[in-house]
N, C-alpha and C. Protein backbone atom coordinates (compact mmCIF):
# COMPACT_ATOMS: atom_id res chain seq x y z
N MET A 1 106.18 80.77 93.97
CA MET A 1 107.45 79.78 94.25
C MET A 1 107.56 78.62 94.45
N ALA A 2 106.52 77.48 95.33
CA ALA A 2 106.78 77.02 95.74
C ALA A 2 107.07 75.70 94.06
N LEU A 3 105.81 76.08 93.26
CA LEU A 3 105.56 75.14 92.15
C LEU A 3 106.54 75.31 90.96
N GLY A 4 108.23 76.40 91.18
CA GLY A 4 109.09 76.89 90.24
C GLY A 4 108.96 77.77 90.01
N SER A 5 107.84 79.56 90.12
CA SER A 5 107.90 80.33 89.63
C SER A 5 109.42 80.87 90.06
N GLN A 6 109.62 81.71 89.30
CA GLN A 6 110.38 82.58 89.36
C GLN A 6 110.39 84.09 89.37
N ARG A 7 111.09 84.55 90.40
CA ARG A 7 111.25 86.27 90.77
C ARG A 7 110.07 86.62 89.41
N ALA A 8 110.65 86.50 88.10
CA ALA A 8 110.14 87.73 87.26
C ALA A 8 108.23 87.39 87.26
N GLY A 9 108.29 86.07 87.60
CA GLY A 9 106.85 85.79 86.82
C GLY A 9 106.11 85.64 87.71
N ILE A 10 106.23 86.38 89.59
CA ILE A 10 105.24 86.70 90.25
C ILE A 10 105.32 88.29 90.36
N LEU A 11 106.42 89.07 89.55
CA LEU A 11 105.84 90.22 89.60
C LEU A 11 105.26 90.19 88.45
N ARG A 12 105.29 89.86 87.27
CA ARG A 12 104.45 89.76 86.33
C ARG A 12 102.84 89.72 86.81
N LEU A 13 102.60 88.28 87.80
CA LEU A 13 101.19 87.88 87.97
C LEU A 13 100.27 89.60 88.86
N VAL A 14 101.54 89.56 89.29
CA VAL A 14 101.16 90.47 90.59
C VAL A 14 100.34 91.61 90.32
N PHE A 15 101.63 92.30 88.95
CA PHE A 15 101.16 93.69 87.92
C PHE A 15 100.33 93.39 86.76
N ALA A 16 100.14 92.43 86.47
CA ALA A 16 99.18 91.74 85.17
C ALA A 16 97.73 92.28 85.94
N SER A 17 97.69 91.51 87.36
CA SER A 17 96.18 91.38 88.22
C SER A 17 96.25 92.66 88.73
N ALA A 18 96.99 93.65 88.84
CA ALA A 18 96.24 95.15 89.28
C ALA A 18 95.90 95.76 88.28
N SER A 19 96.91 95.56 86.85
CA SER A 19 96.21 96.37 85.94
C SER A 19 95.11 96.18 84.89
N ARG A 20 94.83 94.35 85.08
CA ARG A 20 93.33 94.50 84.79
C ARG A 20 91.99 94.48 85.33
N VAL A 21 92.24 94.82 87.07
CA VAL A 21 91.60 96.10 88.11
C VAL A 21 91.37 97.18 87.47
N ALA A 22 92.66 97.93 87.51
CA ALA A 22 92.76 98.98 87.32
C ALA A 22 92.00 99.38 85.77
N ALA A 23 92.01 99.55 84.69
CA ALA A 23 91.82 98.89 83.43
C ALA A 23 90.21 98.74 83.35
N LEU A 24 89.95 98.06 84.14
CA LEU A 24 88.08 97.54 84.53
C LEU A 24 87.84 99.21 85.00
N GLY A 25 88.29 99.41 86.11
CA GLY A 25 87.77 100.86 87.10
C GLY A 25 88.13 102.29 85.61
N CYS A 26 88.76 102.25 85.35
CA CYS A 26 89.23 102.96 83.59
C CYS A 26 87.91 102.78 83.28
N ALA A 27 87.76 102.03 82.90
CA ALA A 27 86.47 101.79 81.38
C ALA A 27 84.82 101.92 82.32
N VAL A 28 85.18 101.42 84.19
CA VAL A 28 83.63 101.68 84.48
C VAL A 28 83.67 103.62 84.58
N GLY A 29 84.88 104.26 84.56
CA GLY A 29 84.98 105.90 85.34
C GLY A 29 84.10 106.25 83.79
N MET A 30 85.22 106.09 82.60
CA MET A 30 84.83 106.46 81.27
C MET A 30 83.43 105.90 80.90
N VAL A 31 82.62 105.21 80.98
CA VAL A 31 81.49 105.28 81.09
C VAL A 31 80.58 105.57 82.01
N SER A 32 81.23 105.79 83.19
CA SER A 32 80.11 107.58 84.24
C SER A 32 80.32 108.64 84.02
N VAL A 33 81.76 108.74 82.98
CA VAL A 33 81.88 110.44 82.76
C VAL A 33 80.77 110.38 81.58
N VAL A 34 80.77 109.88 80.81
CA VAL A 34 79.91 109.82 79.80
C VAL A 34 78.52 110.33 79.92
N ALA A 35 78.00 109.35 81.23
CA ALA A 35 76.83 109.07 81.14
C ALA A 35 76.14 110.52 82.51
N ALA A 36 77.68 111.17 83.05
CA ALA A 36 76.94 112.31 83.90
C ALA A 36 77.79 113.61 83.29
N SER A 37 77.70 113.49 81.83
CA SER A 37 78.57 114.64 81.11
C SER A 37 77.89 116.26 81.77
N ARG A 38 76.48 115.88 81.43
CA ARG A 38 75.73 117.39 82.10
C ARG A 38 76.18 117.54 83.15
N LEU A 39 76.36 116.74 83.95
CA LEU A 39 75.94 116.89 85.43
C LEU A 39 77.71 118.15 85.57
N LEU A 40 78.74 117.24 85.05
CA LEU A 40 80.21 117.18 85.42
C LEU A 40 80.32 118.46 84.56
N GLY A 41 79.60 119.21 83.16
CA GLY A 41 80.10 120.26 82.78
C GLY A 41 79.62 121.50 83.77
N SER A 42 78.71 121.40 84.53
CA SER A 42 78.28 122.60 85.27
C SER A 42 79.48 122.44 86.61
N PHE A 43 80.65 121.88 86.55
CA PHE A 43 81.38 122.24 87.48
C PHE A 43 83.53 122.19 87.28
N LEU A 44 82.86 122.58 85.53
CA LEU A 44 84.09 122.60 85.12
C LEU A 44 84.45 123.74 84.07
N PHE A 45 85.51 124.65 84.23
CA PHE A 45 85.68 126.14 83.63
C PHE A 45 86.67 125.91 82.66
N GLY A 46 86.47 125.69 81.45
CA GLY A 46 87.37 125.87 80.73
C GLY A 46 88.18 124.84 79.57
N VAL A 47 87.23 123.80 79.89
CA VAL A 47 87.07 122.51 79.60
C VAL A 47 86.15 121.60 79.28
N SER A 48 85.86 120.99 78.49
CA SER A 48 84.22 119.98 78.50
C SER A 48 84.73 118.57 78.83
N PRO A 49 83.30 118.23 79.71
CA PRO A 49 83.12 117.06 80.35
C PRO A 49 83.56 116.12 79.10
N LEU A 50 83.65 116.13 77.92
CA LEU A 50 84.38 114.74 76.96
C LEU A 50 85.40 115.16 76.56
N ASP A 51 85.85 116.26 77.04
CA ASP A 51 87.53 116.54 76.38
C ASP A 51 89.26 115.31 76.28
N PRO A 52 88.93 114.91 75.21
CA PRO A 52 89.70 113.61 75.17
C PRO A 52 91.14 113.61 75.67
N LEU A 53 91.59 114.51 75.84
CA LEU A 53 92.68 114.79 76.42
C LEU A 53 92.63 114.52 77.83
N VAL A 54 91.81 115.54 78.90
CA VAL A 54 91.58 115.30 79.73
C VAL A 54 91.23 113.90 80.06
N LEU A 55 90.23 113.25 79.15
CA LEU A 55 90.32 111.67 79.69
C LEU A 55 91.07 110.96 80.09
N SER A 56 91.33 111.21 78.70
CA SER A 56 92.77 109.85 78.36
C SER A 56 94.23 109.80 79.25
N LEU A 57 94.27 111.55 80.00
CA LEU A 57 95.51 111.79 81.02
C LEU A 57 94.82 111.33 82.36
N ALA A 58 93.36 111.19 82.40
CA ALA A 58 93.07 110.70 83.39
C ALA A 58 93.21 109.34 84.12
N ALA A 59 93.12 108.49 82.95
CA ALA A 59 93.18 107.24 82.76
C ALA A 59 94.10 107.10 82.86
N LEU A 60 95.45 107.67 82.87
CA LEU A 60 96.93 107.06 82.40
C LEU A 60 97.74 107.22 83.64
N PHE A 61 97.01 108.26 84.75
CA PHE A 61 96.81 108.42 85.94
C PHE A 61 96.62 107.56 86.61
N VAL A 62 95.92 107.25 86.38
CA VAL A 62 94.50 105.92 87.50
C VAL A 62 95.76 104.43 87.41
N LEU A 63 95.79 104.42 85.83
CA LEU A 63 97.00 103.08 85.83
C LEU A 63 98.02 103.45 85.92
N LEU A 64 98.90 104.58 86.74
CA LEU A 64 100.22 105.30 87.10
C LEU A 64 99.98 104.57 87.97
N LEU A 65 98.47 105.40 89.05
CA LEU A 65 98.89 104.63 91.11
C LEU A 65 98.42 103.49 91.10
N ALA A 66 97.67 102.80 90.24
CA ALA A 66 97.72 101.30 90.20
C ALA A 66 99.08 100.34 90.21
N TRP A 67 99.76 100.99 88.99
CA TRP A 67 101.51 100.27 88.97
C TRP A 67 101.51 100.30 90.04
N LEU A 68 102.21 101.67 90.63
CA LEU A 68 103.13 102.03 91.62
C LEU A 68 101.95 101.40 93.45
N ALA A 69 100.61 101.53 93.31
CA ALA A 69 100.27 100.48 94.65
C ALA A 69 100.61 99.72 94.44
N SER A 70 100.64 98.88 93.78
CA SER A 70 100.54 97.70 93.07
C SER A 70 102.54 97.02 93.43
N TRP A 71 103.56 97.93 92.91
CA TRP A 71 104.63 97.79 93.54
C TRP A 71 105.42 97.33 94.48
N LEU A 72 105.10 97.29 95.55
CA LEU A 72 105.49 97.36 97.05
C LEU A 72 104.65 95.44 97.13
N PRO A 73 103.73 95.83 96.83
CA PRO A 73 103.03 94.23 97.51
C PRO A 73 103.53 93.40 96.56
N ALA A 74 104.14 93.31 95.07
CA ALA A 74 104.79 92.67 94.19
C ALA A 74 106.19 92.13 94.76
N ARG A 75 107.24 93.11 94.45
CA ARG A 75 108.33 93.33 95.49
C ARG A 75 108.67 92.13 96.64
N ARG A 76 107.36 92.44 98.06
CA ARG A 76 106.89 91.64 98.64
C ARG A 76 107.09 90.22 98.77
N ALA A 77 106.24 90.17 97.56
CA ALA A 77 105.79 88.23 97.06
C ALA A 77 106.85 88.27 96.51
N ALA A 78 107.53 88.75 96.05
CA ALA A 78 108.33 87.95 94.88
C ALA A 78 110.00 87.83 96.01
N SER A 79 109.73 88.57 96.71
CA SER A 79 111.68 88.56 97.57
C SER A 79 111.28 87.83 99.02
N ILE A 80 109.96 86.95 98.91
CA ILE A 80 109.70 86.41 99.91
C ILE A 80 110.20 84.56 100.10
N ASP A 81 110.89 84.94 101.46
CA ASP A 81 111.48 83.64 101.71
C ASP A 81 111.09 81.82 101.92
N LEU A 82 111.14 81.11 100.70
CA LEU A 82 110.02 79.86 100.63
C LEU A 82 110.24 79.20 101.83
N MET A 83 111.45 78.93 102.27
CA MET A 83 111.89 78.40 103.55
C MET A 83 110.81 78.61 104.68
N SER A 84 110.77 79.54 104.77
CA SER A 84 110.21 79.88 106.31
C SER A 84 108.60 80.15 106.32
N VAL A 85 108.11 79.78 104.73
CA VAL A 85 106.69 79.60 104.49
C VAL A 85 106.40 78.69 104.55
N LEU A 86 107.11 77.87 103.81
CA LEU A 86 106.34 76.08 104.83
C LEU A 86 106.48 76.06 105.95
N ARG A 87 107.76 76.44 106.27
CA ARG A 87 107.53 76.15 107.83
C ARG A 87 106.44 76.63 108.45
N ALA A 88 106.18 77.91 108.16
CA ALA A 88 105.17 77.98 109.31
C ALA A 88 102.84 77.37 108.71
N GLU A 89 103.85 77.22 107.81
CA GLU A 89 102.10 75.60 107.09
C GLU A 89 102.50 74.76 108.00
């Protein structure tokens, strides 16, 4: 913000960072599910371990949770009082 960034830019930056980390986590999770599908199949009843609906809903839920978890820090970073931070430094 000291270099001229607007509130929307700060929010976008924090949400983009959180989304990248969550997307990477989803990708690693999907690869892990495919690798462990035989083991997972013994724990699941009525659904396949590679069911596309379940996997896509799980990935969507993880991305939604990441967005919600980054909302408070993003809002806090965007609403910081710049003068008090610069005085503290």
